[in-house]
């Protein structure tokens, strides 16, 4: 009976962010970072940032994340893109965790880690 109770304990946003980071690493995402931004804004708690290599790579990683979200009874918030054809930066908004799948060029250009430097890097 204790197993069923334990399985119903909801994971924290931090645990979810770290699990998503592990999924990205397992999927050959590069330079995966988890940043705690909970003290810096009111709309999310964690950024998970990952460098991807191609459109097929980000699509595969995005599918794995969507499967994780579905299995975890979470919900993806629909984002509206200004440029629907771009593969350089794809964002998956899961509420308390926002995943950024970025090409190497986009990651170097936008420098999210520098922009959010006041956040605590967990991974």
PDB file of N, CA and C in Angstrom:
ATOM      1  N   UNK A   1       0.818  -1.199   0.000  1.00  0.00           N
ATOM      2  CA  UNK A   1       0.000   0.000   0.000  1.00  0.00           C
ATOM      3  C   UNK A   1       0.858   1.258   0.000  1.00  0.00           C
ATOM      4  N   UNK A   2       2.005   1.226   0.661  1.00  0.00           N
ATOM      5  CA  UNK A   2       2.857   2.408   0.687  1.00  0.00           C
ATOM      6  C   UNK A   2       3.377   2.752  -0.695  1.00  0.00           C
ATOM      7  N   UNK A   3       3.576   1.740  -1.581  1.00  0.00           N
ATOM      8  CA  UNK A   3       4.023   2.020  -2.938  1.00  0.00           C
ATOM      9  C   UNK A   3       3.002   2.860  -3.694  1.00  0.00           C
ATOM     10  N   UNK A   4       1.719   2.535  -3.530  1.00  0.00           N
ATOM     11  CA  UNK A   4       0.701   3.297  -4.235  1.00  0.00           C
ATOM     12  C   UNK A   4       0.621   4.722  -3.709  1.00  0.00           C
ATOM     13  N   UNK A   5       0.864   4.912  -2.428  1.00  0.00           N
ATOM     14  CA  UNK A   5       0.877   6.262  -1.867  1.00  0.00           C
ATOM     15  C   UNK A   5       2.085   7.030  -2.393  1.00  0.00           C
ATOM     16  N   UNK A   6       3.248   6.386  -2.412  1.00  0.00           N
ATOM     17  CA  UNK A   6       4.450   7.042  -2.916  1.00  0.00           C
ATOM     18  C   UNK A   6       4.299   7.438  -4.368  1.00  0.00           C
ATOM     19  N   UNK A   7       3.679   6.601  -5.189  1.00  0.00           N
ATOM     20  CA  UNK A   7       3.507   6.891  -6.604  1.00  0.00           C
ATOM     21  C   UNK A   7       2.608   8.099  -6.823  1.00  0.00           C
ATOM     22  N   UNK A   8       1.760   8.407  -5.851  1.00  0.00           N
ATOM     23  CA  UNK A   8       0.846   9.529  -6.002  1.00  0.00           C
ATOM     24  C   UNK A   8       1.442  10.850  -5.519  1.00  0.00           C
ATOM     25  N   UNK A   9       2.617  10.792  -4.906  1.00  0.00           N
ATOM     26  CA  UNK A   9       3.266  12.017  -4.449  1.00  0.00           C
ATOM     27  C   UNK A   9       3.735  12.786  -5.678  1.00  0.00           C
ATOM     28  N   UNK A  10       3.303  14.021  -5.793  1.00  0.00           N
ATOM     29  CA  UNK A  10       3.655  14.824  -6.960  1.00  0.00           C
ATOM     30  C   UNK A  10       5.106  15.277  -6.876  1.00  0.00           C
ATOM     31  N   UNK A  11       5.765  15.198  -8.015  1.00  0.00           N
ATOM     32  CA  UNK A  11       7.149  15.639  -8.092  1.00  0.00           C
ATOM     33  C   UNK A  11       7.207  17.155  -8.057  1.00  0.00           C
ATOM     34  N   UNK A  12       8.301  17.674  -7.515  1.00  0.00           N
ATOM     35  CA  UNK A  12       8.491  19.117  -7.506  1.00  0.00           C
ATOM     36  C   UNK A  12       8.902  19.585  -8.895  1.00  0.00           C
ATOM     37  N   UNK A  13       8.768  20.853  -9.138  1.00  0.00           N
ATOM     38  CA  UNK A  13       9.198  21.424 -10.417  1.00  0.00           C
ATOM     39  C   UNK A  13      10.690  21.167 -10.635  1.00  0.00           C
ATOM     40  N   UNK A  14      11.465  21.236  -9.570  1.00  0.00           N
ATOM     41  CA  UNK A  14      12.903  20.982  -9.673  1.00  0.00           C
ATOM     42  C   UNK A  14      13.162  19.546 -10.127  1.00  0.00           C
ATOM     43  N   UNK A  15      12.465  18.590  -9.526  1.00  0.00           N
ATOM     44  CA  UNK A  15      12.628  17.187  -9.923  1.00  0.00           C
ATOM     45  C   UNK A  15      12.232  16.985 -11.385  1.00  0.00           C
ATOM     46  N   UNK A  16      11.152  17.622 -11.808  1.00  0.00           N
ATOM     47  CA  UNK A  16      10.714  17.513 -13.203  1.00  0.00           C
ATOM     48  C   UNK A  16      11.763  18.103 -14.144  1.00  0.00           C
ATOM     49  N   UNK A  17      12.298  19.261 -13.792  1.00  0.00           N
ATOM     50  CA  UNK A  17      13.308  19.908 -14.629  1.00  0.00           C
ATOM     51  C   UNK A  17      14.545  19.022 -14.761  1.00  0.00           C
ATOM     52  N   UNK A  18      14.976  18.433 -13.664  1.00  0.00           N
ATOM     53  CA  UNK A  18      16.154  17.568 -13.693  1.00  0.00           C
ATOM     54  C   UNK A  18      15.885  16.286 -14.484  1.00  0.00           C
ATOM     55  N   UNK A  19      14.679  15.745 -14.394  1.00  0.00           N
ATOM     56  CA  UNK A  19      14.330  14.562 -15.185  1.00  0.00           C
ATOM     57  C   UNK A  19      14.287  14.892 -16.673  1.00  0.00           C
ATOM     58  N   UNK A  20      13.758  16.043 -17.022  1.00  0.00           N
ATOM     59  CA  UNK A  20      13.734  16.466 -18.424  1.00  0.00           C
ATOM     60  C   UNK A  20      15.162  16.651 -18.932  1.00  0.00           C
ATOM     61  N   UNK A  21      16.026  17.239 -18.112  1.00  0.00           N
ATOM     62  CA  UNK A  21      17.434  17.405 -18.492  1.00  0.00           C
ATOM     63  C   UNK A  21      18.069  16.047 -18.771  1.00  0.00           C
ATOM     64  N   UNK A  22      17.743  15.059 -17.968  1.00  0.00           N
ATOM     65  CA  UNK A  22      18.297  13.714 -18.177  1.00  0.00           C
ATOM     66  C   UNK A  22      17.787  13.109 -19.479  1.00  0.00           C
ATOM     67  N   UNK A  23      16.523  13.329 -19.795  1.00  0.00           N
ATOM     68  CA  UNK A  23      15.960  12.857 -21.066  1.00  0.00           C
ATOM     69  C   UNK A  23      16.731  13.475 -22.229  1.00  0.00           C
ATOM     70  N   UNK A  24      17.015  14.769 -22.130  1.00  0.00           N
ATOM     71  CA  UNK A  24      17.748  15.456 -23.198  1.00  0.00           C
ATOM     72  C   UNK A  24      19.165  14.921 -23.328  1.00  0.00           C
ATOM     73  N   UNK A  25      19.816  14.690 -22.200  1.00  0.00           N
ATOM     74  CA  UNK A  25      21.173  14.130 -22.245  1.00  0.00           C
ATOM     75  C   UNK A  25      21.158  12.726 -22.842  1.00  0.00           C
ATOM     76  N   UNK A  26      20.194  11.917 -22.435  1.00  0.00           N
ATOM     77  CA  UNK A  26      20.074  10.558 -22.973  1.00  0.00           C
ATOM     78  C   UNK A  26      19.817  10.587 -24.477  1.00  0.00           C
ATOM     79  N   UNK A  27      19.163  11.643 -24.952  1.00  0.00           N
ATOM     80  CA  UNK A  27      18.859  11.802 -26.371  1.00  0.00           C
ATOM     81  C   UNK A  27      19.959  12.514 -27.135  1.00  0.00           C
ATOM     82  N   UNK A  28      21.130  12.598 -26.553  1.00  0.00           N
ATOM     83  CA  UNK A  28      22.321  13.197 -27.178  1.00  0.00           C
ATOM     84  C   UNK A  28      22.239  14.709 -27.335  1.00  0.00           C
ATOM     85  N   UNK A  29      21.403  15.360 -26.523  1.00  0.00           N
ATOM     86  CA  UNK A  29      21.427  16.817 -26.476  1.00  0.00           C
ATOM     87  C   UNK A  29      22.739  17.252 -25.837  1.00  0.00           C
ATOM     88  N   UNK A  30      23.275  18.363 -26.282  1.00  0.00           N
ATOM     89  CA  UNK A  30      24.569  18.825 -25.774  1.00  0.00           C
ATOM     90  C   UNK A  30      24.415  19.980 -24.802  1.00  0.00           C
ATOM     91  N   UNK A  31      25.358  20.066 -23.895  1.00  0.00           N
ATOM     92  CA  UNK A  31      25.488  21.197 -22.976  1.00  0.00           C
ATOM     93  C   UNK A  31      24.156  21.526 -22.298  1.00  0.00           C
ATOM     94  N   UNK A  32      23.543  20.500 -21.712  1.00  0.00           N
ATOM     95  CA  UNK A  32      22.241  20.661 -21.067  1.00  0.00           C
ATOM     96  C   UNK A  32      22.429  21.420 -19.753  1.00  0.00           C
ATOM     97  N   UNK A  33      21.624  22.453 -19.558  1.00  0.00           N
ATOM     98  CA  UNK A  33      21.665  23.258 -18.339  1.00  0.00           C
ATOM     99  C   UNK A  33      20.273  23.380 -17.758  1.00  0.00           C
ATOM    100  N   UNK A  34      20.207  23.353 -16.435  1.00  0.00           N
ATOM    101  CA  UNK A  34      18.971  23.623 -15.712  1.00  0.00           C
ATOM    102  C   UNK A  34      19.243  24.854 -14.865  1.00  0.00           C
ATOM    103  N   UNK A  35      18.417  25.877 -15.047  1.00  0.00           N
ATOM    104  CA  UNK A  35      18.593  27.133 -14.310  1.00  0.00           C
ATOM    105  C   UNK A  35      17.331  27.424 -13.509  1.00  0.00           C
ATOM    106  N   UNK A  36      17.504  27.647 -12.215  1.00  0.00           N
ATOM    107  CA  UNK A  36      16.399  28.028 -11.337  1.00  0.00           C
ATOM    108  C   UNK A  36      16.182  29.527 -11.490  1.00  0.00           C
ATOM    109  N   UNK A  37      15.072  29.902 -12.094  1.00  0.00           N
ATOM    110  CA  UNK A  37      14.743  31.313 -12.314  1.00  0.00           C
ATOM    111  C   UNK A  37      13.526  31.733 -11.492  1.00  0.00           C
ATOM    112  N   UNK A  38      13.176  30.915 -10.498  1.00  0.00           N
ATOM    113  CA  UNK A  38      11.956  31.156  -9.721  1.00  0.00           C
ATOM    114  C   UNK A  38      11.981  32.478  -8.963  1.00  0.00           C
ATOM    115  N   UNK A  39      13.144  32.944  -8.578  1.00  0.00           N
ATOM    116  CA  UNK A  39      13.244  34.208  -7.851  1.00  0.00           C
ATOM    117  C   UNK A  39      13.308  35.415  -8.790  1.00  0.00           C
ATOM    118  N   UNK A  40      13.379  35.155 -10.102  1.00  0.00           N
ATOM    119  CA  UNK A  40      13.605  36.228 -11.072  1.00  0.00           C
ATOM    120  C   UNK A  40      12.379  36.609 -11.877  1.00  0.00           C
ATOM    121  N   UNK A  41      11.336  35.784 -11.836  1.00  0.00           N
ATOM    122  CA  UNK A  41      10.121  36.084 -12.592  1.00  0.00           C
ATOM    123  C   UNK A  41       8.932  35.386 -11.943  1.00  0.00           C
ATOM    124  N   UNK A  42       7.756  35.652 -12.468  1.00  0.00           N
ATOM    125  CA  UNK A  42       6.545  35.069 -11.880  1.00  0.00           C
ATOM    126  C   UNK A  42       5.898  34.027 -12.780  1.00  0.00           C
ATOM    127  N   UNK A  43       6.454  33.759 -13.945  1.00  0.00           N
ATOM    128  CA  UNK A  43       5.771  32.897 -14.905  1.00  0.00           C
ATOM    129  C   UNK A  43       6.373  31.506 -15.076  1.00  0.00           C
ATOM    130  N   UNK A  44       7.554  31.240 -14.534  1.00  0.00           N
ATOM    131  CA  UNK A  44       8.119  29.893 -14.563  1.00  0.00           C
ATOM    132  C   UNK A  44       9.165  29.762 -13.467  1.00  0.00           C
ATOM    133  N   UNK A  45       9.533  28.538 -13.155  1.00  0.00           N
ATOM    134  CA  UNK A  45      10.519  28.300 -12.103  1.00  0.00           C
ATOM    135  C   UNK A  45      11.875  27.839 -12.630  1.00  0.00           C
ATOM    136  N   UNK A  46      11.852  27.071 -13.726  1.00  0.00           N
ATOM    137  CA  UNK A  46      13.095  26.497 -14.237  1.00  0.00           C
ATOM    138  C   UNK A  46      13.175  26.591 -15.750  1.00  0.00           C
ATOM    139  N   UNK A  47      14.375  26.885 -16.237  1.00  0.00           N
ATOM    140  CA  UNK A  47      14.690  26.769 -17.652  1.00  0.00           C
ATOM    141  C   UNK A  47      15.540  25.522 -17.809  1.00  0.00           C
ATOM    142  N   UNK A  48      15.249  24.732 -18.825  1.00  0.00           N
ATOM    143  CA  UNK A  48      16.126  23.646 -19.234  1.00  0.00           C
ATOM    144  C   UNK A  48      16.569  24.011 -20.643  1.00  0.00           C
ATOM    145  N   UNK A  49      17.870  24.177 -20.828  1.00  0.00           N
ATOM    146  CA  UNK A  49      18.424  24.633 -22.103  1.00  0.00           C
ATOM    147  C   UNK A  49      19.304  23.527 -22.676  1.00  0.00           C
ATOM    148  N   UNK A  50      19.160  23.276 -23.974  1.00  0.00           N
ATOM    149  CA  UNK A  50      19.884  22.185 -24.617  1.00  0.00           C
ATOM    150  C   UNK A  50      20.254  22.583 -26.043  1.00  0.00           C
ATOM    151  N   UNK A  51      21.451  22.214 -26.463  1.00  0.00           N
ATOM    152  CA  UNK A  51      21.877  22.424 -27.842  1.00  0.00           C
ATOM    153  C   UNK A  51      21.508  21.193 -28.659  1.00  0.00           C
ATOM    154  N   UNK A  52      20.861  21.454 -29.810  1.00  0.00           N
ATOM    155  CA  UNK A  52      20.453  20.379 -30.720  1.00  0.00           C
ATOM    156  C   UNK A  52      21.246  20.514 -32.021  1.00  0.00           C
ATOM    157  N   UNK A  53      21.243  19.439 -32.829  1.00  0.00           N
ATOM    158  CA  UNK A  53      22.072  19.404 -34.037  1.00  0.00           C
ATOM    159  C   UNK A  53      21.313  19.584 -35.338  1.00  0.00           C
ATOM    160  N   UNK A  54      20.023  19.281 -35.337  1.00  0.00           N
ATOM    161  CA  UNK A  54      19.266  19.332 -36.585  1.00  0.00           C
ATOM    162  C   UNK A  54      17.774  19.383 -36.265  1.00  0.00           C
ATOM    163  N   UNK A  55      16.999  19.586 -37.311  1.00  0.00           N
ATOM    164  CA  UNK A  55      15.545  19.586 -37.167  1.00  0.00           C
ATOM    165  C   UNK A  55      15.055  18.225 -36.676  1.00  0.00           C
ATOM    166  N   UNK A  56      15.605  17.167 -37.231  1.00  0.00           N
ATOM    167  CA  UNK A  56      15.208  15.820 -36.818  1.00  0.00           C
ATOM    168  C   UNK A  56      15.575  15.581 -35.351  1.00  0.00           C
ATOM    169  N   UNK A  57      16.713  16.117 -34.931  1.00  0.00           N
ATOM    170  CA  UNK A  57      17.157  15.946 -33.545  1.00  0.00           C
ATOM    171  C   UNK A  57      16.186  16.636 -32.591  1.00  0.00           C
ATOM    172  N   UNK A  58      15.834  17.899 -32.862  1.00  0.00           N
ATOM    173  CA  UNK A  58      14.918  18.590 -31.952  1.00  0.00           C
ATOM    174  C   UNK A  58      13.541  17.944 -31.961  1.00  0.00           C
ATOM    175  N   UNK A  59      13.109  17.465 -33.115  1.00  0.00           N
ATOM    176  CA  UNK A  59      11.792  16.819 -33.171  1.00  0.00           C
ATOM    177  C   UNK A  59      11.776  15.537 -32.336  1.00  0.00           C
ATOM    178  N   UNK A  60      12.863  14.773 -32.394  1.00  0.00           N
ATOM    179  CA  UNK A  60      12.954  13.564 -31.589  1.00  0.00           C
ATOM    180  C   UNK A  60      12.966  13.872 -30.103  1.00  0.00           C
ATOM    181  N   UNK A  61      13.755  14.874 -29.714  1.00  0.00           N
ATOM    182  CA  UNK A  61      13.806  15.273 -28.303  1.00  0.00           C
ATOM    183  C   UNK A  61      12.461  15.825 -27.843  1.00  0.00           C
ATOM    184  N   UNK A  62      11.824  16.617 -28.692  1.00  0.00           N
ATOM    185  CA  UNK A  62      10.515  17.186 -28.342  1.00  0.00           C
ATOM    186  C   UNK A  62       9.490  16.078 -28.131  1.00  0.00           C
ATOM    187  N   UNK A  63       9.535  15.030 -28.955  1.00  0.00           N
ATOM    188  CA  UNK A  63       8.610  13.911 -28.781  1.00  0.00           C
ATOM    189  C   UNK A  63       8.854  13.219 -27.444  1.00  0.00           C
ATOM    190  N   UNK A  64      10.118  13.018 -27.080  1.00  0.00           N
ATOM    191  CA  UNK A  64      10.432  12.386 -25.802  1.00  0.00           C
ATOM    192  C   UNK A  64       9.924  13.229 -24.630  1.00  0.00           C
ATOM    193  N   UNK A  65      10.078  14.537 -24.739  1.00  0.00           N
ATOM    194  CA  UNK A  65       9.600  15.425 -23.680  1.00  0.00           C
ATOM    195  C   UNK A  65       8.072  15.381 -23.613  1.00  0.00           C
ATOM    196  N   UNK A  66       7.429  15.396 -24.756  1.00  0.00           N
ATOM    197  CA  UNK A  66       5.957  15.326 -24.777  1.00  0.00           C
ATOM    198  C   UNK A  66       5.468  14.017 -24.170  1.00  0.00           C
ATOM    199  N   UNK A  67       6.160  12.921 -24.442  1.00  0.00           N
ATOM    200  CA  UNK A  67       5.790  11.641 -23.839  1.00  0.00           C
ATOM    201  C   UNK A  67       5.951  11.698 -22.318  1.00  0.00           C
ATOM    202  N   UNK A  68       7.045  12.294 -21.860  1.00  0.00           N
ATOM    203  CA  UNK A  68       7.280  12.452 -20.419  1.00  0.00           C
ATOM    204  C   UNK A  68       6.165  13.289 -19.787  1.00  0.00           C
ATOM    205  N   UNK A  69       5.806  14.383 -20.445  1.00  0.00           N
ATOM    206  CA  UNK A  69       4.756  15.271 -19.940  1.00  0.00           C
ATOM    207  C   UNK A  69       3.437  14.509 -19.832  1.00  0.00           C
ATOM    208  N   UNK A  70       3.113  13.759 -20.861  1.00  0.00           N
ATOM    209  CA  UNK A  70       1.862  12.982 -20.866  1.00  0.00           C
ATOM    210  C   UNK A  70       1.871  11.946 -19.746  1.00  0.00           C
ATOM    211  N   UNK A  71       2.983  11.216 -19.603  1.00  0.00           N
ATOM    212  CA  UNK A  71       3.086  10.184 -18.567  1.00  0.00           C
ATOM    213  C   UNK A  71       3.080  10.770 -17.161  1.00  0.00           C
ATOM    214  N   UNK A  72       3.450  12.036 -17.029  1.00  0.00           N
ATOM    215  CA  UNK A  72       3.535  12.687 -15.718  1.00  0.00           C
ATOM    216  C   UNK A  72       2.293  13.519 -15.394  1.00  0.00           C
ATOM    217  N   UNK A  73       1.244  13.387 -16.214  1.00  0.00           N
ATOM    218  CA  UNK A  73       0.010  14.162 -16.032  1.00  0.00           C
ATOM    219  C   UNK A  73       0.277  15.655 -15.970  1.00  0.00           C
ATOM    220  N   UNK A  74       1.192  16.097 -16.798  1.00  0.00           N
ATOM    221  CA  UNK A  74       1.479  17.528 -16.921  1.00  0.00           C
ATOM    222  C   UNK A  74       0.835  18.014 -18.214  1.00  0.00           C
ATOM    223  N   UNK A  75       0.988  19.299 -18.479  1.00  0.00           N
ATOM    224  CA  UNK A  75       0.360  19.868 -19.666  1.00  0.00           C
ATOM    225  C   UNK A  75       1.302  20.852 -20.339  1.00  0.00           C
ATOM    226  N   UNK A  76       1.372  20.764 -21.660  1.00  0.00           N
ATOM    227  CA  UNK A  76       2.171  21.708 -22.426  1.00  0.00           C
ATOM    228  C   UNK A  76       1.275  22.891 -22.787  1.00  0.00           C
ATOM    229  N   UNK A  77       1.786  24.088 -22.535  1.00  0.00           N
ATOM    230  CA  UNK A  77       1.063  25.305 -22.892  1.00  0.00           C
ATOM    231  C   UNK A  77       1.459  25.681 -24.315  1.00  0.00           C
ATOM    232  N   UNK A  78       0.481  25.914 -25.144  1.00  0.00           N
ATOM    233  CA  UNK A  78       0.740  26.236 -26.545  1.00  0.00           C
ATOM    234  C   UNK A  78       1.405  27.604 -26.637  1.00  0.00           C
ATOM    235  N   UNK A  79       2.491  27.642 -27.384  1.00  0.00           N
ATOM    236  CA  UNK A  79       3.176  28.910 -27.622  1.00  0.00           C
ATOM    237  C   UNK A  79       2.961  29.297 -29.074  1.00  0.00           C
ATOM    238  N   UNK A  80       2.910  30.567 -29.330  1.00  0.00           N
ATOM    239  CA  UNK A  80       2.717  31.064 -30.688  1.00  0.00           C
ATOM    240  C   UNK A  80       4.038  31.622 -31.186  1.00  0.00           C
ATOM    241  N   UNK A  81       4.482  31.088 -32.301  1.00  0.00           N
ATOM    242  CA  UNK A  81       5.772  31.482 -32.860  1.00  0.00           C
ATOM    243  C   UNK A  81       5.597  32.573 -33.893  1.00  0.00           C
ATOM    244  N   UNK A  82       6.522  33.507 -33.883  1.00  0.00           N
ATOM    245  CA  UNK A  82       6.510  34.548 -34.908  1.00  0.00           C
ATOM    246  C   UNK A  82       7.013  33.991 -36.231  1.00  0.00           C
ATOM    247  N   UNK A  83       7.943  33.034 -36.159  1.00  0.00           N
ATOM    248  CA  UNK A  83       8.529  32.443 -37.349  1.00  0.00           C
ATOM    249  C   UNK A  83       8.315  30.929 -37.308  1.00  0.00           C
ATOM    250  N   UNK A  84       7.227  30.434 -37.905  1.00  0.00           N
ATOM    251  CA  UNK A  84       6.902  29.021 -37.776  1.00  0.00           C
ATOM    252  C   UNK A  84       7.882  28.082 -38.470  1.00  0.00           C
ATOM    253  N   UNK A  85       8.729  28.588 -39.355  1.00  0.00           N
ATOM    254  CA  UNK A  85       9.634  27.721 -40.101  1.00  0.00           C
ATOM    255  C   UNK A  85      10.998  27.565 -39.450  1.00  0.00           C
ATOM    256  N   UNK A  86      11.265  28.268 -38.358  1.00  0.00           N
ATOM    257  CA  UNK A  86      12.592  28.232 -37.764  1.00  0.00           C
ATOM    258  C   UNK A  86      12.854  26.980 -36.958  1.00  0.00           C
ATOM    259  N   UNK A  87      14.036  26.422 -37.143  1.00  0.00           N
ATOM    260  CA  UNK A  87      14.448  25.253 -36.371  1.00  0.00           C
ATOM    261  C   UNK A  87      15.551  25.604 -35.390  1.00  0.00           C
ATOM    262  N   UNK A  88      15.919  26.870 -35.311  1.00  0.00           N
ATOM    263  CA  UNK A  88      17.040  27.279 -34.467  1.00  0.00           C
ATOM    264  C   UNK A  88      16.697  27.282 -32.979  1.00  0.00           C
ATOM    265  N   UNK A  89      15.456  27.552 -32.654  1.00  0.00           N
ATOM    266  CA  UNK A  89      15.077  27.675 -31.248  1.00  0.00           C
ATOM    267  C   UNK A  89      13.636  27.211 -31.094  1.00  0.00           C
ATOM    268  N   UNK A  90      13.442  26.145 -30.362  1.00  0.00           N
ATOM    269  CA  UNK A  90      12.111  25.623 -30.105  1.00  0.00           C
ATOM    270  C   UNK A  90      11.873  25.607 -28.615  1.00  0.00           C
ATOM    271  N   UNK A  91      10.737  26.128 -28.220  1.00  0.00           N
ATOM    272  CA  UNK A  91      10.409  26.278 -26.811  1.00  0.00           C
ATOM    273  C   UNK A  91       9.239  25.364 -26.464  1.00  0.00           C
ATOM    274  N   UNK A  92       9.365  24.657 -25.351  1.00  0.00           N
ATOM    275  CA  UNK A  92       8.275  23.827 -24.845  1.00  0.00           C
ATOM    276  C   UNK A  92       7.946  24.346 -23.450  1.00  0.00           C
ATOM    277  N   UNK A  93       6.776  24.946 -23.319  1.00  0.00           N
ATOM    278  CA  UNK A  93       6.338  25.553 -22.064  1.00  0.00           C
ATOM    279  C   UNK A  93       5.484  24.553 -21.300  1.00  0.00           C
ATOM    280  N   UNK A  94       6.010  24.107 -20.157  1.00  0.00           N
ATOM    281  CA  UNK A  94       5.293  23.134 -19.335  1.00  0.00           C
ATOM    282  C   UNK A  94       4.840  23.810 -18.034  1.00  0.00           C
ATOM    283  N   UNK A  95       4.764  25.113 -18.055  1.00  0.00           N
ATOM    284  CA  UNK A  95       4.338  25.852 -16.861  1.00  0.00           C
ATOM    285  C   UNK A  95       5.519  26.164 -15.969  1.00  0.00           C
ATOM    286  N   UNK A  96       5.756  25.327 -14.986  1.00  0.00           N
ATOM    287  CA  UNK A  96       6.855  25.579 -14.046  1.00  0.00           C
ATOM    288  C   UNK A  96       8.223  25.272 -14.637  1.00  0.00           C
ATOM    289  N   UNK A  97       8.238  24.605 -15.792  1.00  0.00           N
ATOM    290  CA  UNK A  97       9.490  24.296 -16.495  1.00  0.00           C
ATOM    291  C   UNK A  97       9.325  24.733 -17.952  1.00  0.00           C
ATOM    292  N   UNK A  98      10.316  25.483 -18.446  1.00  0.00           N
ATOM    293  CA  UNK A  98      10.327  25.874 -19.850  1.00  0.00           C
ATOM    294  C   UNK A  98      11.586  25.285 -20.476  1.00  0.00           C
ATOM    295  N   UNK A  99      11.395  24.498 -21.530  1.00  0.00           N
ATOM    296  CA  UNK A  99      12.495  23.830 -22.211  1.00  0.00           C
ATOM    297  C   UNK A  99      12.849  24.614 -23.464  1.00  0.00           C
ATOM    298  N   UNK A 100      14.145  24.887 -23.633  1.00  0.00           N
ATOM    299  CA  UNK A 100      14.657  25.587 -24.810  1.00  0.00           C
ATOM    300  C   UNK A 100      15.547  24.623 -25.580  1.00  0.00           C
ATOM    301  N   UNK A 101      15.123  24.227 -26.771  1.00  0.00           N
ATOM    302  CA  UNK A 101      15.930  23.392 -27.650  1.00  0.00           C
ATOM    303  C   UNK A 101      16.498  24.317 -28.717  1.00  0.00           C
ATOM    304  N   UNK A 102      17.819  24.533 -28.680  1.00  0.00           N
ATOM    305  CA  UNK A 102      18.432  25.569 -29.513  1.00  0.00           C
ATOM    306  C   UNK A 102      19.590  25.025 -30.341  1.00  0.00           C
ATOM    307  N   UNK A 103      19.707  25.548 -31.566  1.00  0.00           N
ATOM    308  CA  UNK A 103      20.890  25.222 -32.358  1.00  0.00           C
ATOM    309  C   UNK A 103      22.101  25.886 -31.699  1.00  0.00           C
ATOM    310  N   UNK A 104      23.275  25.436 -32.061  1.00  0.00           N
ATOM    311  CA  UNK A 104      24.494  26.011 -31.497  1.00  0.00           C
ATOM    312  C   UNK A 104      24.564  27.512 -31.801  1.00  0.00           C
ATOM    313  N   UNK A 105      24.239  27.890 -33.041  1.00  0.00           N
ATOM    314  CA  UNK A 105      24.286  29.311 -33.426  1.00  0.00           C
ATOM    315  C   UNK A 105      23.296  30.142 -32.621  1.00  0.00           C
ATOM    316  N   UNK A 106      22.075  29.647 -32.463  1.00  0.00           N
ATOM    317  CA  UNK A 106      21.064  30.391 -31.706  1.00  0.00           C
ATOM    318  C   UNK A 106      21.478  30.515 -30.245  1.00  0.00           C
ATOM    319  N   UNK A 107      22.029  29.461 -29.709  1.00  0.00           N
ATOM    320  CA  UNK A 107      22.438  29.484 -28.301  1.00  0.00           C
ATOM    321  C   UNK A 107      23.561  30.492 -28.083  1.00  0.00           C
ATOM    322  N   UNK A 108      24.502  30.541 -29.002  1.00  0.00           N
ATOM    323  CA  UNK A 108      25.585  31.517 -28.894  1.00  0.00           C
ATOM    324  C   UNK A 108      25.073  32.941 -29.088  1.00  0.00           C
ATOM    325  N   UNK A 109      24.106  33.118 -29.976  1.00  0.00           N
ATOM    326  CA  UNK A 109      23.580  34.454 -30.252  1.00  0.00           C
ATOM    327  C   UNK A 109      22.741  34.990 -29.089  1.00  0.00           C
ATOM    328  N   UNK A 110      21.815  34.187 -28.571  1.00  0.00           N
ATOM    329  CA  UNK A 110      20.900  34.657 -27.529  1.00  0.00           C
ATOM    330  C   UNK A 110      21.480  34.597 -26.119  1.00  0.00           C
ATOM    331  N   UNK A 111      22.427  33.718 -25.887  1.00  0.00           N
ATOM    332  CA  UNK A 111      23.136  33.618 -24.608  1.00  0.00           C
ATOM    333  C   UNK A 111      22.183  33.661 -23.407  1.00  0.00           C
ATOM    334  N   UNK A 112      21.231  32.738 -23.372  1.00  0.00           N
ATOM    335  CA  UNK A 112      20.251  32.716 -22.285  1.00  0.00           C
ATOM    336  C   UNK A 112      20.908  32.589 -20.914  1.00  0.00           C
ATOM    337  N   UNK A 113      21.994  31.825 -20.833  1.00  0.00           N
ATOM    338  CA  UNK A 113      22.668  31.668 -19.544  1.00  0.00           C
ATOM    339  C   UNK A 113      23.191  33.007 -19.026  1.00  0.00           C
ATOM    340  N   UNK A 114      23.664  33.855 -19.945  1.00  0.00           N
ATOM    341  CA  UNK A 114      24.133  35.188 -19.520  1.00  0.00           C
ATOM    342  C   UNK A 114      22.953  36.094 -19.189  1.00  0.00           C
ATOM    343  N   UNK A 115      21.903  36.005 -19.982  1.00  0.00           N
ATOM    344  CA  UNK A 115      20.721  36.826 -19.753  1.00  0.00           C
ATOM    345  C   UNK A 115      20.104  36.525 -18.391  1.00  0.00           C
ATOM    346  N   UNK A 116      20.101  35.253 -18.011  1.00  0.00           N
ATOM    347  CA  UNK A 116      19.516  34.821 -16.745  1.00  0.00           C
ATOM    348  C   UNK A 116      20.612  34.458 -15.743  1.00  0.00           C
ATOM    349  N   UNK A 117      21.719  35.181 -15.778  1.00  0.00           N
ATOM    350  CA  UNK A 117      22.896  34.884 -14.944  1.00  0.00           C
ATOM    351  C   UNK A 117      22.596  34.912 -13.437  1.00  0.00           C
ATOM    352  N   UNK A 118      21.560  35.610 -13.053  1.00  0.00           N
ATOM    353  CA  UNK A 118      21.229  35.686 -11.617  1.00  0.00           C
ATOM    354  C   UNK A 118      20.530  34.422 -11.122  1.00  0.00           C
ATOM    355  N   UNK A 119      20.127  33.567 -12.051  1.00  0.00           N
ATOM    356  CA  UNK A 119      19.495  32.307 -11.672  1.00  0.00           C
ATOM    357  C   UNK A 119      20.547  31.305 -11.199  1.00  0.00           C
ATOM    358  N   UNK A 120      20.104  30.356 -10.413  1.00  0.00           N
ATOM    359  CA  UNK A 120      21.004  29.330  -9.885  1.00  0.00           C
ATOM    360  C   UNK A 120      21.088  28.178 -10.867  1.00  0.00           C
ATOM    361  N   UNK A 121      22.308  27.867 -11.344  1.00  0.00           N
ATOM    362  CA  UNK A 121      22.513  26.755 -12.259  1.00  0.00           C
ATOM    363  C   UNK A 121      22.545  25.472 -11.448  1.00  0.00           C
ATOM    364  N   UNK A 122      21.629  24.547 -11.752  1.00  0.00           N
ATOM    365  CA  UNK A 122      21.535  23.286 -11.031  1.00  0.00           C
ATOM    366  C   UNK A 122      22.277  22.158 -11.735  1.00  0.00           C
ATOM    367  N   UNK A 123      22.435  22.274 -13.025  1.00  0.00           N
ATOM    368  CA  UNK A 123      23.086  21.220 -13.806  1.00  0.00           C
ATOM    369  C   UNK A 123      23.845  21.843 -14.938  1.00  0.00           C
TER     370      UNK A 123
END
